[in-house]
């Protein structure tokens, strides 16, 4: 399960490329100065885009177009909220769930998975660390991971990443994967009238590039 991701593009790049969606983007807490972060871990603060309250009637209704018609807002919030046992809810299965409320887009340009290293030769010491793999989208400066957010008494507003069955790019490394969205689905994910199962699925083979990095 993904417990580490990357966000390095500057705010200018995010704003410029988001404008191609033609969905207005607002900053209710001011435009953040996003420092490049190679590693964002559970309970850290990450950047999300979600539907803005906006003026009355600005959002598409349940029987209108599946194109999001309202404003979106960019804010920084905590990754994960405490679950019933106190453990952080940082990944959330999308399989079979009709997720309508609290949808958000998690701004990223890479995410990491970890695998056990191959057995060492006879007599050699066993590696202490797992192999670390970085997944990115070729030819895209950044992308969005599907998420949901909620407000809790313990930590306030926080978000989690949605997961699905692994696609061909992820399957050799993990039995689950986060839902990486195609850009054409960004607005659709913010529209609660679009069924989640139409969107929460792995991308086709070759959509993600992988490279081994130093843990």
C-alpha atoms as a PDB file:
ATOM      1  CA  UNK A   1       0.000   0.000   0.000  1.00  0.00           C
ATOM      2  CA  UNK A   2       1.281   3.470  -0.813  1.00  0.00           C
ATOM      3  CA  UNK A   3       2.691   5.251   2.230  1.00  0.00           C
ATOM      4  CA  UNK A   4       5.052   7.656   0.498  1.00  0.00           C
ATOM      5  CA  UNK A   5       4.705   9.955  -2.511  1.00  0.00           C
ATOM      6  CA  UNK A   6       6.363  12.925  -4.207  1.00  0.00           C
ATOM      7  CA  UNK A   7       5.254  16.436  -5.143  1.00  0.00           C
ATOM      8  CA  UNK A   8       7.909  18.636  -6.732  1.00  0.00           C
ATOM      9  CA  UNK A   9       6.296  20.880  -9.414  1.00  0.00           C
ATOM     10  CA  UNK A  10       5.999  24.581  -8.514  1.00  0.00           C
ATOM     11  CA  UNK A  11       2.637  26.212  -7.962  1.00  0.00           C
ATOM     12  CA  UNK A  12       2.951  28.056 -11.284  1.00  0.00           C
ATOM     13  CA  UNK A  13       3.105  24.760 -13.193  1.00  0.00           C
ATOM     14  CA  UNK A  14       0.127  23.347 -11.321  1.00  0.00           C
ATOM     15  CA  UNK A  15      -1.984  26.448 -11.968  1.00  0.00           C
ATOM     16  CA  UNK A  16      -1.022  26.635 -15.637  1.00  0.00           C
ATOM     17  CA  UNK A  17      -1.777  23.005 -16.397  1.00  0.00           C
ATOM     18  CA  UNK A  18      -4.929  22.916 -14.271  1.00  0.00           C
ATOM     19  CA  UNK A  19      -6.284  25.803 -16.381  1.00  0.00           C
ATOM     20  CA  UNK A  20      -6.517  23.352 -19.289  1.00  0.00           C
ATOM     21  CA  UNK A  21      -9.451  21.696 -17.488  1.00  0.00           C
ATOM     22  CA  UNK A  22     -11.368  25.006 -17.722  1.00  0.00           C
ATOM     23  CA  UNK A  23     -12.508  24.461 -14.150  1.00  0.00           C
ATOM     24  CA  UNK A  24     -11.923  27.635 -12.105  1.00  0.00           C
ATOM     25  CA  UNK A  25      -9.382  27.080  -9.345  1.00  0.00           C
ATOM     26  CA  UNK A  26      -9.602  29.185  -6.192  1.00  0.00           C
ATOM     27  CA  UNK A  27      -7.383  29.464  -3.131  1.00  0.00           C
ATOM     28  CA  UNK A  28      -9.540  30.068  -0.046  1.00  0.00           C
ATOM     29  CA  UNK A  29      -6.468  30.124   2.212  1.00  0.00           C
ATOM     30  CA  UNK A  30      -4.204  31.995  -0.193  1.00  0.00           C
ATOM     31  CA  UNK A  31      -1.922  30.710  -2.922  1.00  0.00           C
ATOM     32  CA  UNK A  32       0.611  28.421  -1.194  1.00  0.00           C
ATOM     33  CA  UNK A  33       4.307  28.567  -1.944  1.00  0.00           C
ATOM     34  CA  UNK A  34       4.814  24.873  -2.590  1.00  0.00           C
ATOM     35  CA  UNK A  35       8.335  23.754  -1.819  1.00  0.00           C
ATOM     36  CA  UNK A  36       9.398  20.647  -3.786  1.00  0.00           C
ATOM     37  CA  UNK A  37       9.039  17.557  -1.620  1.00  0.00           C
ATOM     38  CA  UNK A  38      10.673  14.267  -2.600  1.00  0.00           C
ATOM     39  CA  UNK A  39       8.888  12.395   0.167  1.00  0.00           C
ATOM     40  CA  UNK A  40       5.497  12.996   1.759  1.00  0.00           C
ATOM     41  CA  UNK A  41       4.645  10.407   4.398  1.00  0.00           C
ATOM     42  CA  UNK A  42       1.578   9.454   6.437  1.00  0.00           C
ATOM     43  CA  UNK A  43       0.397  12.326   8.724  1.00  0.00           C
ATOM     44  CA  UNK A  44       2.372  14.867   6.650  1.00  0.00           C
ATOM     45  CA  UNK A  45       0.604  17.778   4.963  1.00  0.00           C
ATOM     46  CA  UNK A  46      -0.199  17.306   1.270  1.00  0.00           C
ATOM     47  CA  UNK A  47      -1.899  19.369  -1.419  1.00  0.00           C
ATOM     48  CA  UNK A  48      -5.406  18.476  -2.562  1.00  0.00           C
ATOM     49  CA  UNK A  49      -7.943  19.924  -4.971  1.00  0.00           C
ATOM     50  CA  UNK A  50     -11.619  19.527  -4.112  1.00  0.00           C
ATOM     51  CA  UNK A  51     -14.983  20.971  -5.064  1.00  0.00           C
ATOM     52  CA  UNK A  52     -15.444  24.469  -3.697  1.00  0.00           C
ATOM     53  CA  UNK A  53     -18.662  25.534  -2.030  1.00  0.00           C
ATOM     54  CA  UNK A  54     -18.895  28.317  -4.618  1.00  0.00           C
ATOM     55  CA  UNK A  55     -22.018  30.329  -5.298  1.00  0.00           C
ATOM     56  CA  UNK A  56     -25.436  28.625  -5.083  1.00  0.00           C
ATOM     57  CA  UNK A  57     -26.229  26.564  -8.135  1.00  0.00           C
ATOM     58  CA  UNK A  58     -22.640  26.460  -9.332  1.00  0.00           C
ATOM     59  CA  UNK A  59     -22.335  22.665  -9.170  1.00  0.00           C
ATOM     60  CA  UNK A  60     -23.829  20.103 -11.462  1.00  0.00           C
ATOM     61  CA  UNK A  61     -26.754  18.206  -9.990  1.00  0.00           C
ATOM     62  CA  UNK A  62     -27.274  14.444  -9.904  1.00  0.00           C
ATOM     63  CA  UNK A  63     -29.066  14.356 -13.266  1.00  0.00           C
ATOM     64  CA  UNK A  64     -27.034  16.958 -15.123  1.00  0.00           C
ATOM     65  CA  UNK A  65     -23.904  16.677 -17.253  1.00  0.00           C
ATOM     66  CA  UNK A  66     -21.084  14.487 -15.960  1.00  0.00           C
ATOM     67  CA  UNK A  67     -18.738  17.438 -16.521  1.00  0.00           C
ATOM     68  CA  UNK A  68     -18.038  19.269 -13.258  1.00  0.00           C
ATOM     69  CA  UNK A  69     -19.511  22.766 -13.581  1.00  0.00           C
ATOM     70  CA  UNK A  70     -18.436  24.370 -10.307  1.00  0.00           C
ATOM     71  CA  UNK A  71     -15.258  25.817  -8.863  1.00  0.00           C
ATOM     72  CA  UNK A  72     -12.425  23.795  -7.424  1.00  0.00           C
ATOM     73  CA  UNK A  73     -10.252  24.849  -4.521  1.00  0.00           C
ATOM     74  CA  UNK A  74      -6.661  24.009  -3.681  1.00  0.00           C
ATOM     75  CA  UNK A  75      -5.739  23.560  -0.012  1.00  0.00           C
ATOM     76  CA  UNK A  76      -3.107  21.802   2.082  1.00  0.00           C
ATOM     77  CA  UNK A  77      -4.340  19.135   4.485  1.00  0.00           C
ATOM     78  CA  UNK A  78      -3.075  16.193   6.540  1.00  0.00           C
ATOM     79  CA  UNK A  79      -2.638  12.768   4.970  1.00  0.00           C
ATOM     80  CA  UNK A  80      -4.686  10.257   7.010  1.00  0.00           C
ATOM     81  CA  UNK A  81      -7.115  10.422   9.890  1.00  0.00           C
ATOM     82  CA  UNK A  82      -7.209   8.055  12.902  1.00  0.00           C
ATOM     83  CA  UNK A  83      -9.301   4.931  12.359  1.00  0.00           C
ATOM     84  CA  UNK A  84     -11.378   3.134  15.011  1.00  0.00           C
ATOM     85  CA  UNK A  85      -8.279   1.375  16.370  1.00  0.00           C
ATOM     86  CA  UNK A  86      -6.228   4.566  16.297  1.00  0.00           C
ATOM     87  CA  UNK A  87      -4.177   3.479  13.274  1.00  0.00           C
ATOM     88  CA  UNK A  88      -4.010   6.037  10.449  1.00  0.00           C
ATOM     89  CA  UNK A  89      -6.385   5.579   7.525  1.00  0.00           C
ATOM     90  CA  UNK A  90      -4.013   6.488   4.708  1.00  0.00           C
ATOM     91  CA  UNK A  91      -5.337   4.132   1.992  1.00  0.00           C
ATOM     92  CA  UNK A  92      -8.990   3.275   1.376  1.00  0.00           C
ATOM     93  CA  UNK A  93     -10.349   0.533  -0.877  1.00  0.00           C
ATOM     94  CA  UNK A  94     -12.568   1.805  -3.670  1.00  0.00           C
ATOM     95  CA  UNK A  95     -13.667  -1.665  -4.781  1.00  0.00           C
ATOM     96  CA  UNK A  96     -17.458  -1.976  -4.791  1.00  0.00           C
ATOM     97  CA  UNK A  97     -17.982   1.284  -2.924  1.00  0.00           C
ATOM     98  CA  UNK A  98     -20.365   3.993  -4.100  1.00  0.00           C
ATOM     99  CA  UNK A  99     -18.219   6.941  -3.076  1.00  0.00           C
ATOM    100  CA  UNK A 100     -20.063  10.208  -3.639  1.00  0.00           C
ATOM    101  CA  UNK A 101     -19.110  12.603  -0.860  1.00  0.00           C
ATOM    102  CA  UNK A 102     -15.790  14.184   0.011  1.00  0.00           C
ATOM    103  CA  UNK A 103     -13.992  13.463  -3.237  1.00  0.00           C
ATOM    104  CA  UNK A 104     -10.659  15.165  -3.800  1.00  0.00           C
ATOM    105  CA  UNK A 105      -7.646  15.085  -6.099  1.00  0.00           C
ATOM    106  CA  UNK A 106      -4.232  14.549  -4.525  1.00  0.00           C
ATOM    107  CA  UNK A 107      -1.529  16.526  -6.327  1.00  0.00           C
ATOM    108  CA  UNK A 108       1.572  14.409  -6.999  1.00  0.00           C
ATOM    109  CA  UNK A 109       4.257  13.768  -9.568  1.00  0.00           C
ATOM    110  CA  UNK A 110       5.328  10.373  -8.279  1.00  0.00           C
ATOM    111  CA  UNK A 111       4.570   7.710  -5.706  1.00  0.00           C
ATOM    112  CA  UNK A 112       6.634   4.933  -4.179  1.00  0.00           C
ATOM    113  CA  UNK A 113       6.232   1.211  -3.598  1.00  0.00           C
ATOM    114  CA  UNK A 114       8.599  -1.094  -1.723  1.00  0.00           C
ATOM    115  CA  UNK A 115       9.533  -4.693  -2.425  1.00  0.00           C
ATOM    116  CA  UNK A 116      11.638  -7.251  -0.609  1.00  0.00           C
ATOM    117  CA  UNK A 117      15.114  -7.483  -2.164  1.00  0.00           C
ATOM    118  CA  UNK A 118      16.163 -10.737  -3.836  1.00  0.00           C
ATOM    119  CA  UNK A 119      17.861 -13.311  -1.595  1.00  0.00           C
ATOM    120  CA  UNK A 120      21.581 -12.588  -1.189  1.00  0.00           C
ATOM    121  CA  UNK A 121      24.234 -15.088  -2.299  1.00  0.00           C
ATOM    122  CA  UNK A 122      25.164 -17.765   0.198  1.00  0.00           C
ATOM    123  CA  UNK A 123      27.056 -16.284   3.100  1.00  0.00           C
ATOM    124  CA  UNK A 124      26.262 -12.684   2.186  1.00  0.00           C
ATOM    125  CA  UNK A 125      24.451 -10.501   4.755  1.00  0.00           C
ATOM    126  CA  UNK A 126      20.742  -9.981   4.245  1.00  0.00           C
ATOM    127  CA  UNK A 127      19.879  -6.448   3.042  1.00  0.00           C
ATOM    128  CA  UNK A 128      18.380  -4.322   5.811  1.00  0.00           C
ATOM    129  CA  UNK A 129      16.196  -2.234   3.537  1.00  0.00           C
ATOM    130  CA  UNK A 130      13.548  -3.014   0.973  1.00  0.00           C
ATOM    131  CA  UNK A 131      13.948  -1.938  -2.624  1.00  0.00           C
ATOM    132  CA  UNK A 132      12.215   1.376  -3.318  1.00  0.00           C
ATOM    133  CA  UNK A 133      10.477   2.074  -6.636  1.00  0.00           C
ATOM    134  CA  UNK A 134       9.283   5.412  -7.980  1.00  0.00           C
ATOM    135  CA  UNK A 135       6.268   5.497 -10.318  1.00  0.00           C
ATOM    136  CA  UNK A 136       5.685   8.527 -12.539  1.00  0.00           C
ATOM    137  CA  UNK A 137       3.610   9.397 -15.598  1.00  0.00           C
ATOM    138  CA  UNK A 138       5.774   9.887 -18.709  1.00  0.00           C
ATOM    139  CA  UNK A 139       5.422  13.269 -20.402  1.00  0.00           C
ATOM    140  CA  UNK A 140       3.348  14.724 -17.541  1.00  0.00           C
ATOM    141  CA  UNK A 141       4.805  17.158 -15.011  1.00  0.00           C
ATOM    142  CA  UNK A 142       2.287  16.073 -12.393  1.00  0.00           C
ATOM    143  CA  UNK A 143      -0.852  14.013 -11.986  1.00  0.00           C
ATOM    144  CA  UNK A 144      -3.707  13.434  -9.562  1.00  0.00           C
ATOM    145  CA  UNK A 145      -4.477  10.484  -7.309  1.00  0.00           C
ATOM    146  CA  UNK A 146      -8.128   9.954  -6.404  1.00  0.00           C
ATOM    147  CA  UNK A 147      -8.851  10.585  -2.749  1.00  0.00           C
ATOM    148  CA  UNK A 148     -11.529  11.412  -0.230  1.00  0.00           C
ATOM    149  CA  UNK A 149     -11.395  13.872   2.632  1.00  0.00           C
ATOM    150  CA  UNK A 150     -13.312  14.233   5.866  1.00  0.00           C
ATOM    151  CA  UNK A 151     -13.285  16.247   9.059  1.00  0.00           C
ATOM    152  CA  UNK A 152     -12.626  14.449  12.339  1.00  0.00           C
ATOM    153  CA  UNK A 153     -12.595  15.699  15.938  1.00  0.00           C
ATOM    154  CA  UNK A 154      -9.035  14.435  16.409  1.00  0.00           C
ATOM    155  CA  UNK A 155      -7.158  16.012  13.494  1.00  0.00           C
ATOM    156  CA  UNK A 156      -9.626  18.260  11.670  1.00  0.00           C
ATOM    157  CA  UNK A 157      -9.785  17.917   7.894  1.00  0.00           C
ATOM    158  CA  UNK A 158      -7.682  15.112   6.455  1.00  0.00           C
ATOM    159  CA  UNK A 159      -7.580  12.962   3.324  1.00  0.00           C
ATOM    160  CA  UNK A 160      -6.759   9.439   2.232  1.00  0.00           C
ATOM    161  CA  UNK A 161      -5.761   7.810  -1.070  1.00  0.00           C
ATOM    162  CA  UNK A 162      -8.137   5.442  -2.828  1.00  0.00           C
ATOM    163  CA  UNK A 163      -6.849   2.076  -3.996  1.00  0.00           C
ATOM    164  CA  UNK A 164      -7.948  -0.472  -6.576  1.00  0.00           C
ATOM    165  CA  UNK A 165      -6.738  -3.736  -8.091  1.00  0.00           C
ATOM    166  CA  UNK A 166      -3.255  -3.315  -9.605  1.00  0.00           C
ATOM    167  CA  UNK A 167      -2.836  -2.571 -13.275  1.00  0.00           C
ATOM    168  CA  UNK A 168      -0.133  -4.175 -15.406  1.00  0.00           C
ATOM    169  CA  UNK A 169       2.436  -1.512 -14.489  1.00  0.00           C
ATOM    170  CA  UNK A 170       2.010  -2.046 -10.734  1.00  0.00           C
ATOM    171  CA  UNK A 171       1.213  -5.766 -10.450  1.00  0.00           C
ATOM    172  CA  UNK A 172       4.873  -6.914 -10.490  1.00  0.00           C
ATOM    173  CA  UNK A 173       5.519  -4.719  -7.443  1.00  0.00           C
ATOM    174  CA  UNK A 174       2.361  -4.802  -5.324  1.00  0.00           C
ATOM    175  CA  UNK A 175      -1.027  -6.505  -5.074  1.00  0.00           C
ATOM    176  CA  UNK A 176      -2.834  -3.130  -4.771  1.00  0.00           C
ATOM    177  CA  UNK A 177      -2.334   0.321  -6.231  1.00  0.00           C
ATOM    178  CA  UNK A 178      -3.491   3.882  -5.685  1.00  0.00           C
ATOM    179  CA  UNK A 179      -6.009   5.202  -8.214  1.00  0.00           C
ATOM    180  CA  UNK A 180      -4.004   7.369 -10.627  1.00  0.00           C
ATOM    181  CA  UNK A 181      -6.408   9.396 -12.725  1.00  0.00           C
ATOM    182  CA  UNK A 182      -6.224  10.258 -16.378  1.00  0.00           C
ATOM    183  CA  UNK A 183      -6.469  14.030 -16.835  1.00  0.00           C
ATOM    184  CA  UNK A 184      -9.792  13.633 -18.596  1.00  0.00           C
ATOM    185  CA  UNK A 185     -11.180  12.223 -15.329  1.00  0.00           C
ATOM    186  CA  UNK A 186     -10.119  15.046 -13.001  1.00  0.00           C
ATOM    187  CA  UNK A 187     -13.357  16.975 -13.410  1.00  0.00           C
ATOM    188  CA  UNK A 188     -15.412  13.793 -13.442  1.00  0.00           C
ATOM    189  CA  UNK A 189     -13.998  12.743 -10.077  1.00  0.00           C
ATOM    190  CA  UNK A 190     -15.070  16.078  -8.568  1.00  0.00           C
ATOM    191  CA  UNK A 191     -18.608  15.496  -9.869  1.00  0.00           C
ATOM    192  CA  UNK A 192     -20.472  13.290  -7.361  1.00  0.00           C
ATOM    193  CA  UNK A 193     -23.010  12.312 -10.010  1.00  0.00           C
ATOM    194  CA  UNK A 194     -20.353  10.246 -11.819  1.00  0.00           C
ATOM    195  CA  UNK A 195     -20.212   6.706 -10.341  1.00  0.00           C
ATOM    196  CA  UNK A 196     -16.921   6.051  -8.613  1.00  0.00           C
ATOM    197  CA  UNK A 197     -16.515   2.664 -10.290  1.00  0.00           C
ATOM    198  CA  UNK A 198     -16.366   4.364 -13.703  1.00  0.00           C
ATOM    199  CA  UNK A 199     -13.213   6.137 -12.571  1.00  0.00           C
ATOM    200  CA  UNK A 200     -11.526   4.023  -9.884  1.00  0.00           C
ATOM    201  CA  UNK A 201      -9.662   1.625 -12.113  1.00  0.00           C
ATOM    202  CA  UNK A 202      -6.026   1.081 -13.140  1.00  0.00           C
ATOM    203  CA  UNK A 203      -4.584   2.808 -16.179  1.00  0.00           C
ATOM    204  CA  UNK A 204      -3.579   0.824 -19.285  1.00  0.00           C
ATOM    205  CA  UNK A 205      -0.168  -0.798 -19.564  1.00  0.00           C
ATOM    206  CA  UNK A 206       2.609   1.683 -20.240  1.00  0.00           C
ATOM    207  CA  UNK A 207       0.836   4.582 -18.505  1.00  0.00           C
ATOM    208  CA  UNK A 208       3.283   4.554 -15.598  1.00  0.00           C
ATOM    209  CA  UNK A 209       7.062   4.586 -15.678  1.00  0.00           C
ATOM    210  CA  UNK A 210       9.018   2.917 -12.886  1.00  0.00           C
ATOM    211  CA  UNK A 211      12.583   3.338 -11.694  1.00  0.00           C
ATOM    212  CA  UNK A 212      14.493   2.033  -8.700  1.00  0.00           C
ATOM    213  CA  UNK A 213      15.616   4.733  -6.282  1.00  0.00           C
ATOM    214  CA  UNK A 214      17.754   4.846  -3.184  1.00  0.00           C
ATOM    215  CA  UNK A 215      15.587   4.344  -0.099  1.00  0.00           C
END
